[in-house]
Amino acid sequence: MSSGFNSDVHVGAEAFHVQTEDRGPLHPFIDTAVYHRGRVVHRQSSSYEDWVVSADFTPEKLQHRVAEQHRAVIEELRSGALDGKIAQATEQEAEGSGIEAELLNPGSWLSGGQIGLEIEIRRRSDRKPVPGAQVHATIEGALQESRHEATSDEHGRARIQFPLPPLGKGDLALVIHARAEHGSADIRFAMRSRAKTPPAPSAA
C-alpha cells in the first residue's frame, strides 16, 4: 500500500510545497518533488527494490523511510543546500527551455463526479505543440492512489477522463505531469475535499 507526505515550507519570502510518496510494490521507489509556484524545481528518488524482498522489510519500516526522506529534503530546502538546483531550474524556465503544460478547461474539468482534462503540451522556446508527450494525472489525497495516462496528439493535445475517486479529509490536489524529449512539466491544482465544482488553480 502506497503512502506519502505533503508539507508547505516557507523559506524567507518564498513558499514551497514538498511532496513525498511511495510508488508501491510494483514500482518500489520513494519519490520527493519540491514545487515552487506550481512548478517542480527539485526531484529526489530512491529505490527500495532489493529491500522489499528481504526479511527485514515491513510496511512500518517503509513508512519510516518515506518520512525520513521527506524530512531530509525539507531540511536541505531550509538550510540552503538546494539553492543551486532551484536557481538552475528557475533559470532554465526563464530561458524558455523544456516544455510547458496547460489545462485548457480549468473551469469545467470536474462535473457530475467525472474528471475530464483537456491538456495542451508546448515547447517553451517557440510555443509549438509537442506530439507524443506522455501525460498522467493523479488526485493527491485520494483514499486510493491511481494514475491516469494519455499521449498528446499531433496538435500537442491530450485528454484524460476518469471518475472522481473517494477523497480523504486532508489536503487534496490535482497533479498533472507531462514528459517529452524536450523535458518535463508539472501542474498542481489545490482542491477542497469533496468539492462539487472545480476550484481555482493554485498556480498559473
N, C-alpha and C. Protein backbone atom coordinates (compact mmCIF):
# COMPACT_ATOMS: atom_id res chain seq x y z
N MET A 1 0.85 -1.19 0.00
CA MET A 1 0.00 0.00 0.00
C MET A 1 0.89 1.24 0.00
N SER A 2 0.63 2.17 -0.90
CA SER A 2 1.46 3.36 -1.01
C SER A 2 1.15 4.35 0.10
N SER A 3 2.11 5.22 0.37
CA SER A 3 1.93 6.22 1.41
C SER A 3 2.69 7.46 1.01
N GLY A 4 2.41 8.57 1.70
CA GLY A 4 3.14 9.78 1.35
C GLY A 4 2.90 10.90 2.34
N PHE A 5 3.65 11.99 2.13
CA PHE A 5 3.59 13.16 2.99
C PHE A 5 3.59 14.41 2.13
N ASN A 6 2.93 15.46 2.62
CA ASN A 6 2.88 16.75 1.94
C ASN A 6 3.11 17.85 2.97
N SER A 7 3.99 18.80 2.63
CA SER A 7 4.28 19.90 3.55
C SER A 7 4.44 21.20 2.78
N ASP A 8 3.91 22.28 3.33
CA ASP A 8 4.17 23.62 2.82
C ASP A 8 5.31 24.20 3.63
N VAL A 9 6.35 24.65 2.94
CA VAL A 9 7.57 25.13 3.61
C VAL A 9 7.86 26.55 3.15
N HIS A 10 8.07 27.46 4.10
CA HIS A 10 8.40 28.84 3.79
C HIS A 10 9.89 29.06 4.08
N VAL A 11 10.58 29.56 3.07
CA VAL A 11 12.00 29.90 3.20
C VAL A 11 12.12 31.38 2.86
N GLY A 12 12.28 32.20 3.86
CA GLY A 12 12.25 33.63 3.63
C GLY A 12 10.88 34.04 3.12
N ALA A 13 10.87 34.76 2.01
CA ALA A 13 9.60 35.21 1.42
C ALA A 13 9.04 34.21 0.43
N GLU A 14 9.75 33.11 0.17
CA GLU A 14 9.32 32.13 -0.82
C GLU A 14 8.59 30.97 -0.18
N ALA A 15 7.55 30.48 -0.86
CA ALA A 15 6.76 29.35 -0.39
C ALA A 15 6.99 28.15 -1.30
N PHE A 16 7.23 27.00 -0.71
CA PHE A 16 7.45 25.77 -1.45
C PHE A 16 6.47 24.71 -0.95
N HIS A 17 6.20 23.75 -1.82
CA HIS A 17 5.40 22.58 -1.42
C HIS A 17 6.26 21.35 -1.65
N VAL A 18 6.41 20.52 -0.62
CA VAL A 18 7.23 19.32 -0.70
C VAL A 18 6.31 18.11 -0.62
N GLN A 19 6.41 17.24 -1.61
CA GLN A 19 5.56 16.04 -1.69
C GLN A 19 6.45 14.81 -1.79
N THR A 20 6.25 13.85 -0.89
CA THR A 20 6.99 12.59 -0.91
C THR A 20 5.99 11.46 -0.93
N GLU A 21 6.20 10.49 -1.82
CA GLU A 21 5.28 9.36 -1.89
C GLU A 21 6.01 8.07 -2.24
N ASP A 22 5.48 6.99 -1.71
CA ASP A 22 5.93 5.64 -2.05
C ASP A 22 5.10 5.19 -3.24
N ARG A 23 5.77 4.72 -4.30
CA ARG A 23 5.06 4.33 -5.51
C ARG A 23 4.40 2.97 -5.41
N GLY A 24 4.65 2.23 -4.33
CA GLY A 24 4.01 0.93 -4.17
C GLY A 24 4.89 -0.22 -4.60
N PRO A 25 4.51 -1.47 -4.28
CA PRO A 25 5.36 -2.63 -4.53
C PRO A 25 5.65 -2.88 -6.01
N LEU A 26 4.77 -2.46 -6.90
CA LEU A 26 5.03 -2.66 -8.33
C LEU A 26 6.05 -1.67 -8.87
N HIS A 27 6.21 -0.54 -8.18
CA HIS A 27 7.20 0.48 -8.55
C HIS A 27 7.91 0.91 -7.25
N PRO A 28 8.84 0.09 -6.77
CA PRO A 28 9.43 0.32 -5.44
C PRO A 28 10.40 1.50 -5.39
N PHE A 29 9.83 2.69 -5.48
CA PHE A 29 10.62 3.91 -5.38
C PHE A 29 9.94 4.87 -4.42
N ILE A 30 10.75 5.64 -3.72
CA ILE A 30 10.26 6.74 -2.90
C ILE A 30 10.63 8.02 -3.63
N ASP A 31 9.64 8.79 -4.04
CA ASP A 31 9.87 9.99 -4.83
C ASP A 31 9.50 11.23 -4.03
N THR A 32 10.37 12.24 -4.10
CA THR A 32 10.10 13.54 -3.48
C THR A 32 10.20 14.61 -4.54
N ALA A 33 9.20 15.50 -4.58
CA ALA A 33 9.21 16.63 -5.51
C ALA A 33 9.04 17.92 -4.70
N VAL A 34 9.80 18.93 -5.07
CA VAL A 34 9.69 20.25 -4.45
C VAL A 34 9.06 21.18 -5.49
N TYR A 35 7.91 21.75 -5.14
CA TYR A 35 7.19 22.66 -6.04
C TYR A 35 7.42 24.11 -5.60
N HIS A 36 7.56 24.98 -6.59
CA HIS A 36 7.64 26.41 -6.33
C HIS A 36 6.76 27.10 -7.37
N ARG A 37 5.73 27.77 -6.91
CA ARG A 37 4.77 28.44 -7.80
C ARG A 37 4.18 27.45 -8.81
N GLY A 38 3.88 26.24 -8.31
CA GLY A 38 3.23 25.23 -9.13
C GLY A 38 4.14 24.42 -10.03
N ARG A 39 5.45 24.74 -10.04
CA ARG A 39 6.39 24.04 -10.91
C ARG A 39 7.40 23.26 -10.08
N VAL A 40 7.80 22.09 -10.59
CA VAL A 40 8.80 21.29 -9.89
C VAL A 40 10.18 21.91 -10.09
N VAL A 41 10.87 22.18 -8.98
CA VAL A 41 12.22 22.75 -9.05
C VAL A 41 13.28 21.78 -8.52
N HIS A 42 12.84 20.66 -7.96
CA HIS A 42 13.80 19.65 -7.49
C HIS A 42 13.08 18.32 -7.34
N ARG A 43 13.77 17.24 -7.71
CA ARG A 43 13.25 15.88 -7.52
C ARG A 43 14.31 15.01 -6.87
N GLN A 44 13.87 14.11 -6.04
CA GLN A 44 14.76 13.10 -5.45
C GLN A 44 14.04 11.77 -5.44
N SER A 45 14.69 10.72 -5.92
CA SER A 45 14.08 9.40 -5.98
C SER A 45 15.05 8.36 -5.43
N SER A 46 14.54 7.45 -4.62
CA SER A 46 15.37 6.37 -4.07
C SER A 46 14.63 5.05 -4.23
N SER A 47 15.37 4.03 -4.65
CA SER A 47 14.79 2.70 -4.88
C SER A 47 14.89 1.83 -3.63
N TYR A 48 13.87 1.02 -3.40
CA TYR A 48 13.95 0.01 -2.35
C TYR A 48 13.62 -1.37 -2.93
N GLU A 49 14.00 -1.56 -4.20
CA GLU A 49 13.71 -2.80 -4.92
C GLU A 49 14.32 -4.02 -4.23
N ASP A 50 15.58 -3.90 -3.78
CA ASP A 50 16.22 -5.02 -3.11
C ASP A 50 15.68 -5.24 -1.70
N TRP A 51 15.40 -4.14 -1.01
CA TRP A 51 14.93 -4.22 0.37
C TRP A 51 13.55 -4.84 0.48
N VAL A 52 12.66 -4.57 -0.49
CA VAL A 52 11.27 -5.00 -0.38
C VAL A 52 11.13 -6.52 -0.38
N VAL A 53 12.12 -7.25 -0.92
CA VAL A 53 12.05 -8.71 -0.96
C VAL A 53 12.86 -9.35 0.17
N SER A 54 13.42 -8.53 1.06
CA SER A 54 14.22 -9.07 2.15
C SER A 54 13.36 -9.34 3.37
N ALA A 55 13.89 -10.16 4.29
CA ALA A 55 13.15 -10.49 5.51
C ALA A 55 13.04 -9.29 6.44
N ASP A 56 13.88 -8.29 6.23
CA ASP A 56 13.89 -7.11 7.10
C ASP A 56 12.76 -6.13 6.77
N PHE A 57 12.14 -6.30 5.61
CA PHE A 57 11.13 -5.33 5.16
C PHE A 57 9.83 -5.49 5.93
N THR A 58 9.28 -4.34 6.35
CA THR A 58 7.93 -4.29 6.91
C THR A 58 7.27 -2.99 6.45
N PRO A 59 5.95 -2.95 6.35
CA PRO A 59 5.27 -1.71 5.97
C PRO A 59 5.59 -0.55 6.92
N GLU A 60 5.76 -0.88 8.21
CA GLU A 60 6.06 0.17 9.18
C GLU A 60 7.43 0.79 8.93
N LYS A 61 8.41 -0.06 8.60
CA LYS A 61 9.75 0.45 8.30
C LYS A 61 9.75 1.27 7.01
N LEU A 62 8.93 0.84 6.03
CA LEU A 62 8.82 1.61 4.79
C LEU A 62 8.24 2.99 5.08
N GLN A 63 7.19 3.04 5.88
CA GLN A 63 6.59 4.33 6.25
C GLN A 63 7.62 5.24 6.90
N HIS A 64 8.46 4.65 7.76
CA HIS A 64 9.51 5.42 8.42
C HIS A 64 10.51 5.94 7.41
N ARG A 65 10.87 5.12 6.42
CA ARG A 65 11.84 5.55 5.40
C ARG A 65 11.27 6.68 4.55
N VAL A 66 9.98 6.58 4.20
CA VAL A 66 9.33 7.66 3.44
C VAL A 66 9.37 8.96 4.23
N ALA A 67 9.04 8.87 5.53
CA ALA A 67 9.04 10.06 6.39
C ALA A 67 10.44 10.64 6.51
N GLU A 68 11.45 9.79 6.62
CA GLU A 68 12.83 10.27 6.75
C GLU A 68 13.28 11.00 5.50
N GLN A 69 12.95 10.48 4.31
CA GLN A 69 13.33 11.17 3.08
C GLN A 69 12.62 12.51 2.98
N HIS A 70 11.35 12.54 3.37
CA HIS A 70 10.57 13.78 3.33
C HIS A 70 11.21 14.83 4.23
N ARG A 71 11.56 14.43 5.44
CA ARG A 71 12.17 15.37 6.39
C ARG A 71 13.55 15.83 5.90
N ALA A 72 14.32 14.91 5.31
CA ALA A 72 15.67 15.25 4.84
C ALA A 72 15.62 16.31 3.74
N VAL A 73 14.67 16.17 2.81
CA VAL A 73 14.57 17.15 1.72
C VAL A 73 14.13 18.50 2.27
N ILE A 74 13.21 18.50 3.23
CA ILE A 74 12.78 19.77 3.84
C ILE A 74 13.96 20.45 4.53
N GLU A 75 14.79 19.68 5.21
CA GLU A 75 15.96 20.26 5.87
C GLU A 75 16.94 20.82 4.86
N GLU A 76 17.13 20.13 3.73
CA GLU A 76 18.01 20.64 2.67
C GLU A 76 17.46 21.95 2.11
N LEU A 77 16.14 22.01 1.96
CA LEU A 77 15.49 23.21 1.45
C LEU A 77 15.69 24.38 2.42
N ARG A 78 15.47 24.14 3.69
CA ARG A 78 15.60 25.20 4.70
C ARG A 78 17.04 25.64 4.91
N SER A 79 17.99 24.70 4.77
CA SER A 79 19.40 25.02 5.02
C SER A 79 20.07 25.74 3.85
N GLY A 80 19.41 25.73 2.69
CA GLY A 80 20.01 26.36 1.52
C GLY A 80 20.77 25.40 0.63
N ALA A 81 20.80 24.10 1.01
CA ALA A 81 21.55 23.11 0.23
C ALA A 81 20.98 22.92 -1.18
N LEU A 82 19.72 23.26 -1.38
CA LEU A 82 19.09 23.10 -2.69
C LEU A 82 19.06 24.40 -3.48
N ASP A 83 19.63 25.47 -2.95
CA ASP A 83 19.54 26.77 -3.61
C ASP A 83 20.09 26.72 -5.04
N GLY A 84 21.21 26.04 -5.24
CA GLY A 84 21.82 25.97 -6.57
C GLY A 84 20.92 25.27 -7.56
N LYS A 85 20.35 24.13 -7.16
CA LYS A 85 19.47 23.39 -8.06
C LYS A 85 18.19 24.17 -8.36
N ILE A 86 17.66 24.84 -7.35
CA ILE A 86 16.44 25.63 -7.56
C ILE A 86 16.73 26.81 -8.49
N ALA A 87 17.87 27.45 -8.30
CA ALA A 87 18.25 28.57 -9.16
C ALA A 87 18.43 28.11 -10.59
N GLN A 88 19.04 26.94 -10.77
CA GLN A 88 19.24 26.41 -12.11
C GLN A 88 17.91 26.10 -12.79
N ALA A 89 17.00 25.46 -12.04
CA ALA A 89 15.68 25.14 -12.60
C ALA A 89 14.92 26.41 -12.97
N THR A 90 15.02 27.44 -12.11
CA THR A 90 14.35 28.72 -12.39
C THR A 90 14.95 29.40 -13.60
N GLU A 91 16.28 29.34 -13.73
CA GLU A 91 16.95 29.95 -14.86
C GLU A 91 16.58 29.26 -16.17
N GLN A 92 16.52 27.94 -16.15
CA GLN A 92 16.14 27.19 -17.35
C GLN A 92 14.72 27.54 -17.78
N GLU A 93 13.85 27.71 -16.80
CA GLU A 93 12.47 28.09 -17.14
C GLU A 93 12.43 29.49 -17.73
N ALA A 94 13.22 30.40 -17.16
CA ALA A 94 13.26 31.78 -17.68
C ALA A 94 13.82 31.83 -19.09
N GLU A 95 14.74 30.93 -19.40
CA GLU A 95 15.34 30.92 -20.73
C GLU A 95 14.43 30.26 -21.76
N GLY A 96 13.32 29.67 -21.28
CA GLY A 96 12.38 29.08 -22.21
C GLY A 96 12.70 27.67 -22.63
N SER A 97 13.56 26.99 -21.89
CA SER A 97 13.89 25.62 -22.25
C SER A 97 12.79 24.68 -21.80
N GLY A 98 12.76 23.48 -22.38
CA GLY A 98 11.82 22.46 -21.95
C GLY A 98 10.44 22.64 -22.55
N ILE A 99 9.45 22.10 -21.83
CA ILE A 99 8.07 22.14 -22.30
C ILE A 99 7.19 22.78 -21.23
N GLU A 100 6.00 23.13 -21.62
CA GLU A 100 5.02 23.65 -20.67
C GLU A 100 3.70 22.96 -20.91
N ALA A 101 2.94 22.77 -19.84
CA ALA A 101 1.63 22.12 -19.92
C ALA A 101 0.57 23.12 -19.48
N GLU A 102 -0.54 23.10 -20.17
CA GLU A 102 -1.65 23.99 -19.82
C GLU A 102 -2.95 23.20 -19.79
N LEU A 103 -3.72 23.40 -18.73
CA LEU A 103 -5.06 22.82 -18.65
C LEU A 103 -6.01 23.77 -19.37
N LEU A 104 -6.60 23.30 -20.45
CA LEU A 104 -7.40 24.17 -21.31
C LEU A 104 -8.82 24.39 -20.79
N ASN A 105 -9.26 23.54 -19.89
CA ASN A 105 -10.62 23.69 -19.35
C ASN A 105 -10.61 23.83 -17.83
N PRO A 106 -9.93 24.86 -17.30
CA PRO A 106 -9.81 24.99 -15.85
C PRO A 106 -11.14 25.21 -15.13
N GLY A 107 -12.16 25.66 -15.86
CA GLY A 107 -13.44 25.93 -15.21
C GLY A 107 -14.44 24.81 -15.33
N SER A 108 -14.09 23.73 -16.03
CA SER A 108 -15.09 22.68 -16.25
C SER A 108 -14.53 21.27 -16.19
N TRP A 109 -13.35 21.08 -15.60
CA TRP A 109 -12.73 19.76 -15.62
C TRP A 109 -13.38 18.77 -14.67
N LEU A 110 -14.19 19.27 -13.72
CA LEU A 110 -14.89 18.38 -12.79
C LEU A 110 -16.39 18.64 -12.90
N SER A 111 -17.14 17.60 -13.29
CA SER A 111 -18.58 17.76 -13.46
C SER A 111 -19.27 16.43 -13.20
N GLY A 112 -20.26 16.45 -12.34
CA GLY A 112 -21.05 15.25 -12.08
C GLY A 112 -20.22 14.07 -11.59
N GLY A 113 -19.19 14.35 -10.82
CA GLY A 113 -18.36 13.27 -10.31
C GLY A 113 -17.39 12.68 -11.32
N GLN A 114 -17.29 13.31 -12.50
CA GLN A 114 -16.37 12.85 -13.54
C GLN A 114 -15.31 13.92 -13.81
N ILE A 115 -14.09 13.48 -13.97
CA ILE A 115 -12.98 14.37 -14.29
C ILE A 115 -12.66 14.25 -15.77
N GLY A 116 -12.62 15.37 -16.47
CA GLY A 116 -12.26 15.40 -17.89
C GLY A 116 -11.23 16.49 -18.11
N LEU A 117 -10.01 16.12 -18.39
CA LEU A 117 -8.91 17.06 -18.51
C LEU A 117 -8.53 17.25 -19.98
N GLU A 118 -8.54 18.49 -20.42
CA GLU A 118 -8.07 18.85 -21.76
C GLU A 118 -6.74 19.56 -21.59
N ILE A 119 -5.67 18.92 -22.02
CA ILE A 119 -4.32 19.40 -21.74
C ILE A 119 -3.58 19.66 -23.04
N GLU A 120 -2.83 20.74 -23.07
CA GLU A 120 -2.00 21.06 -24.24
C GLU A 120 -0.54 21.15 -23.81
N ILE A 121 0.33 20.50 -24.58
CA ILE A 121 1.77 20.48 -24.30
C ILE A 121 2.47 21.27 -25.40
N ARG A 122 3.31 22.25 -25.00
CA ARG A 122 4.01 23.10 -25.95
C ARG A 122 5.49 23.19 -25.57
N ARG A 123 6.34 23.48 -26.57
CA ARG A 123 7.73 23.82 -26.29
C ARG A 123 7.78 25.23 -25.75
N ARG A 124 8.62 25.45 -24.75
CA ARG A 124 8.74 26.79 -24.18
C ARG A 124 9.39 27.77 -25.15
N SER A 125 10.33 27.27 -25.93
CA SER A 125 11.12 28.16 -26.78
C SER A 125 10.29 28.86 -27.84
N ASP A 126 9.40 28.13 -28.50
CA ASP A 126 8.62 28.73 -29.59
C ASP A 126 7.13 28.47 -29.48
N ARG A 127 6.70 27.79 -28.38
CA ARG A 127 5.30 27.51 -28.10
C ARG A 127 4.65 26.63 -29.17
N LYS A 128 5.46 25.86 -29.87
CA LYS A 128 4.90 24.91 -30.84
C LYS A 128 4.41 23.67 -30.11
N PRO A 129 3.35 23.01 -30.63
CA PRO A 129 2.81 21.83 -29.95
C PRO A 129 3.82 20.69 -29.92
N VAL A 130 3.72 19.89 -28.88
CA VAL A 130 4.61 18.74 -28.71
C VAL A 130 3.79 17.46 -28.83
N PRO A 131 3.87 16.75 -29.95
CA PRO A 131 3.18 15.47 -30.07
C PRO A 131 3.95 14.36 -29.36
N GLY A 132 3.25 13.33 -28.96
CA GLY A 132 3.89 12.17 -28.35
C GLY A 132 4.33 12.34 -26.91
N ALA A 133 3.93 13.43 -26.26
CA ALA A 133 4.28 13.61 -24.85
C ALA A 133 3.45 12.66 -23.99
N GLN A 134 4.08 12.08 -22.98
CA GLN A 134 3.37 11.21 -22.04
C GLN A 134 2.81 12.07 -20.91
N VAL A 135 1.51 12.01 -20.70
CA VAL A 135 0.84 12.84 -19.71
C VAL A 135 0.10 11.94 -18.72
N HIS A 136 0.24 12.20 -17.45
CA HIS A 136 -0.56 11.47 -16.48
C HIS A 136 -1.10 12.41 -15.41
N ALA A 137 -2.20 11.99 -14.83
CA ALA A 137 -2.89 12.80 -13.81
C ALA A 137 -3.22 11.93 -12.61
N THR A 138 -3.09 12.51 -11.43
CA THR A 138 -3.46 11.83 -10.19
C THR A 138 -4.17 12.81 -9.28
N ILE A 139 -4.95 12.28 -8.35
CA ILE A 139 -5.57 13.09 -7.32
C ILE A 139 -4.79 12.84 -6.03
N GLU A 140 -4.01 13.81 -5.63
CA GLU A 140 -3.23 13.70 -4.39
C GLU A 140 -4.17 13.84 -3.20
N GLY A 141 -4.15 12.87 -2.32
CA GLY A 141 -5.03 12.88 -1.16
C GLY A 141 -6.23 11.97 -1.31
N ALA A 142 -6.35 11.29 -2.48
CA ALA A 142 -7.43 10.32 -2.65
C ALA A 142 -7.18 9.13 -1.73
N LEU A 143 -8.25 8.43 -1.37
CA LEU A 143 -8.11 7.30 -0.46
C LEU A 143 -7.33 6.16 -1.09
N GLN A 144 -7.36 6.07 -2.42
CA GLN A 144 -6.60 5.04 -3.12
C GLN A 144 -5.87 5.68 -4.29
N GLU A 145 -4.57 5.47 -4.35
CA GLU A 145 -3.77 6.09 -5.42
C GLU A 145 -4.12 5.48 -6.77
N SER A 146 -4.29 6.29 -7.78
CA SER A 146 -4.49 5.82 -9.15
C SER A 146 -3.89 6.84 -10.10
N ARG A 147 -3.35 6.35 -11.20
CA ARG A 147 -2.73 7.21 -12.20
C ARG A 147 -3.42 6.99 -13.54
N HIS A 148 -3.76 8.08 -14.21
CA HIS A 148 -4.48 8.01 -15.48
C HIS A 148 -3.63 8.69 -16.55
N GLU A 149 -3.43 8.00 -17.68
CA GLU A 149 -2.44 8.43 -18.64
C GLU A 149 -3.03 8.66 -20.02
N ALA A 150 -2.31 9.46 -20.81
CA ALA A 150 -2.66 9.72 -22.20
C ALA A 150 -1.40 10.18 -22.92
N THR A 151 -1.45 10.21 -24.26
CA THR A 151 -0.34 10.68 -25.08
C THR A 151 -0.84 11.83 -25.94
N SER A 152 -0.08 12.90 -26.01
CA SER A 152 -0.52 14.07 -26.80
C SER A 152 -0.53 13.75 -28.29
N ASP A 153 -1.50 14.32 -29.00
CA ASP A 153 -1.63 14.07 -30.43
C ASP A 153 -0.77 15.04 -31.24
N GLU A 154 -0.99 15.09 -32.56
CA GLU A 154 -0.16 15.95 -33.41
C GLU A 154 -0.33 17.43 -33.11
N HIS A 155 -1.40 17.78 -32.41
CA HIS A 155 -1.63 19.18 -32.01
C HIS A 155 -1.14 19.45 -30.59
N GLY A 156 -0.46 18.48 -29.99
CA GLY A 156 0.00 18.64 -28.62
C GLY A 156 -1.10 18.50 -27.58
N ARG A 157 -2.25 17.98 -27.99
CA ARG A 157 -3.39 17.87 -27.08
C ARG A 157 -3.51 16.46 -26.52
N ALA A 158 -3.90 16.37 -25.27
CA ALA A 158 -4.17 15.09 -24.61
C ALA A 158 -5.44 15.23 -23.79
N ARG A 159 -6.24 14.18 -23.78
CA ARG A 159 -7.47 14.19 -22.99
C ARG A 159 -7.43 13.01 -22.02
N ILE A 160 -7.70 13.29 -20.77
CA ILE A 160 -7.72 12.26 -19.73
C ILE A 160 -9.06 12.33 -19.02
N GLN A 161 -9.76 11.20 -18.95
CA GLN A 161 -11.06 11.13 -18.28
C GLN A 161 -11.05 10.00 -17.25
N PHE A 162 -11.60 10.26 -16.08
CA PHE A 162 -11.74 9.23 -15.07
C PHE A 162 -12.71 9.72 -14.00
N PRO A 163 -13.36 8.79 -13.30
CA PRO A 163 -14.29 9.20 -12.23
C PRO A 163 -13.53 9.77 -11.04
N LEU A 164 -14.14 10.74 -10.39
CA LEU A 164 -13.54 11.31 -9.17
C LEU A 164 -13.46 10.21 -8.12
N PRO A 165 -12.25 9.90 -7.62
CA PRO A 165 -12.13 8.82 -6.64
C PRO A 165 -12.59 9.26 -5.26
N PRO A 166 -12.82 8.32 -4.34
CA PRO A 166 -13.13 8.69 -2.96
C PRO A 166 -11.99 9.54 -2.39
N LEU A 167 -12.34 10.62 -1.72
CA LEU A 167 -11.35 11.57 -1.25
C LEU A 167 -11.14 11.47 0.25
N GLY A 168 -9.90 11.73 0.67
CA GLY A 168 -9.60 11.79 2.08
C GLY A 168 -10.01 13.12 2.68
N LYS A 169 -9.70 13.32 3.94
CA LYS A 169 -10.11 14.54 4.64
C LYS A 169 -9.01 15.59 4.68
N GLY A 170 -7.79 15.24 4.23
CA GLY A 170 -6.69 16.19 4.28
C GLY A 170 -6.62 17.06 3.05
N ASP A 171 -5.43 17.62 2.80
CA ASP A 171 -5.23 18.46 1.61
C ASP A 171 -5.36 17.62 0.35
N LEU A 172 -6.06 18.17 -0.63
CA LEU A 172 -6.29 17.47 -1.89
C LEU A 172 -5.75 18.32 -3.04
N ALA A 173 -5.27 17.65 -4.09
CA ALA A 173 -4.76 18.38 -5.24
C ALA A 173 -4.84 17.51 -6.48
N LEU A 174 -5.11 18.15 -7.60
CA LEU A 174 -4.99 17.51 -8.90
C LEU A 174 -3.58 17.77 -9.39
N VAL A 175 -2.84 16.71 -9.70
CA VAL A 175 -1.46 16.85 -10.17
C VAL A 175 -1.37 16.29 -11.58
N ILE A 176 -0.87 17.12 -12.50
CA ILE A 176 -0.70 16.72 -13.89
C ILE A 176 0.79 16.76 -14.21
N HIS A 177 1.31 15.68 -14.77
CA HIS A 177 2.72 15.61 -15.13
C HIS A 177 2.84 15.25 -16.61
N ALA A 178 3.66 15.97 -17.34
CA ALA A 178 3.91 15.70 -18.76
C ALA A 178 5.40 15.52 -18.98
N ARG A 179 5.75 14.56 -19.84
CA ARG A 179 7.16 14.31 -20.14
C ARG A 179 7.33 14.06 -21.63
N ALA A 180 8.36 14.69 -22.21
CA ALA A 180 8.69 14.50 -23.61
C ALA A 180 10.20 14.61 -23.75
N GLU A 181 10.70 14.44 -24.97
CA GLU A 181 12.15 14.50 -25.16
C GLU A 181 12.70 15.89 -24.87
N HIS A 182 11.86 16.91 -24.91
CA HIS A 182 12.30 18.28 -24.64
C HIS A 182 12.39 18.59 -23.15
N GLY A 183 11.82 17.72 -22.31
CA GLY A 183 11.82 17.99 -20.88
C GLY A 183 10.52 17.53 -20.24
N SER A 184 10.22 18.07 -19.08
CA SER A 184 9.00 17.69 -18.36
C SER A 184 8.35 18.94 -17.77
N ALA A 185 7.07 18.80 -17.43
CA ALA A 185 6.32 19.92 -16.85
C ALA A 185 5.30 19.37 -15.88
N ASP A 186 5.03 20.11 -14.83
CA ASP A 186 4.06 19.72 -13.82
C ASP A 186 3.11 20.87 -13.52
N ILE A 187 1.86 20.52 -13.27
CA ILE A 187 0.86 21.49 -12.83
C ILE A 187 0.19 20.90 -11.60
N ARG A 188 -0.06 21.74 -10.61
CA ARG A 188 -0.70 21.29 -9.37
C ARG A 188 -1.84 22.24 -9.02
N PHE A 189 -3.06 21.69 -8.92
CA PHE A 189 -4.23 22.48 -8.57
C PHE A 189 -4.72 22.06 -7.19
N ALA A 190 -4.82 23.02 -6.28
CA ALA A 190 -5.37 22.73 -4.96
C ALA A 190 -6.86 22.47 -5.08
N MET A 191 -7.36 21.52 -4.29
CA MET A 191 -8.77 21.17 -4.29
C MET A 191 -9.31 21.26 -2.87
N ARG A 192 -10.62 21.34 -2.78
CA ARG A 192 -11.29 21.23 -1.49
C ARG A 192 -11.86 19.82 -1.40
N SER A 193 -11.82 19.24 -0.22
CA SER A 193 -12.33 17.89 -0.04
C SER A 193 -13.79 17.79 -0.47
N ARG A 194 -14.04 16.83 -1.33
CA ARG A 194 -15.39 16.56 -1.84
C ARG A 194 -16.03 17.80 -2.46
N ALA A 195 -15.22 18.61 -3.15
CA ALA A 195 -15.78 19.79 -3.81
C ALA A 195 -16.69 19.37 -4.95
N LYS A 196 -17.79 20.09 -5.12
CA LYS A 196 -18.73 19.78 -6.20
C LYS A 196 -18.45 20.55 -7.46
N THR A 197 -17.66 21.60 -7.37
CA THR A 197 -17.33 22.37 -8.54
C THR A 197 -15.82 22.53 -8.60
N PRO A 198 -15.25 22.75 -9.81
CA PRO A 198 -13.80 22.87 -9.91
C PRO A 198 -13.28 24.07 -9.15
N PRO A 199 -12.21 23.88 -8.35
CA PRO A 199 -11.61 25.00 -7.63
C PRO A 199 -10.69 25.81 -8.52
N ALA A 200 -10.32 26.98 -8.05
CA ALA A 200 -9.36 27.79 -8.78
C ALA A 200 -7.98 27.18 -8.66
N PRO A 201 -7.13 27.31 -9.70
CA PRO A 201 -5.79 26.73 -9.63
C PRO A 201 -4.94 27.44 -8.60
N SER A 202 -4.00 26.66 -8.01
CA SER A 202 -3.10 27.24 -7.02
C SER A 202 -1.93 27.93 -7.67
N ALA A 203 -1.74 27.71 -8.96
CA ALA A 203 -0.62 28.35 -9.67
C ALA A 203 -1.02 28.59 -11.10
N ALA A 204 -0.43 29.64 -11.70
CA ALA A 204 -0.73 29.94 -13.08
C ALA A 204 -0.07 28.91 -13.97
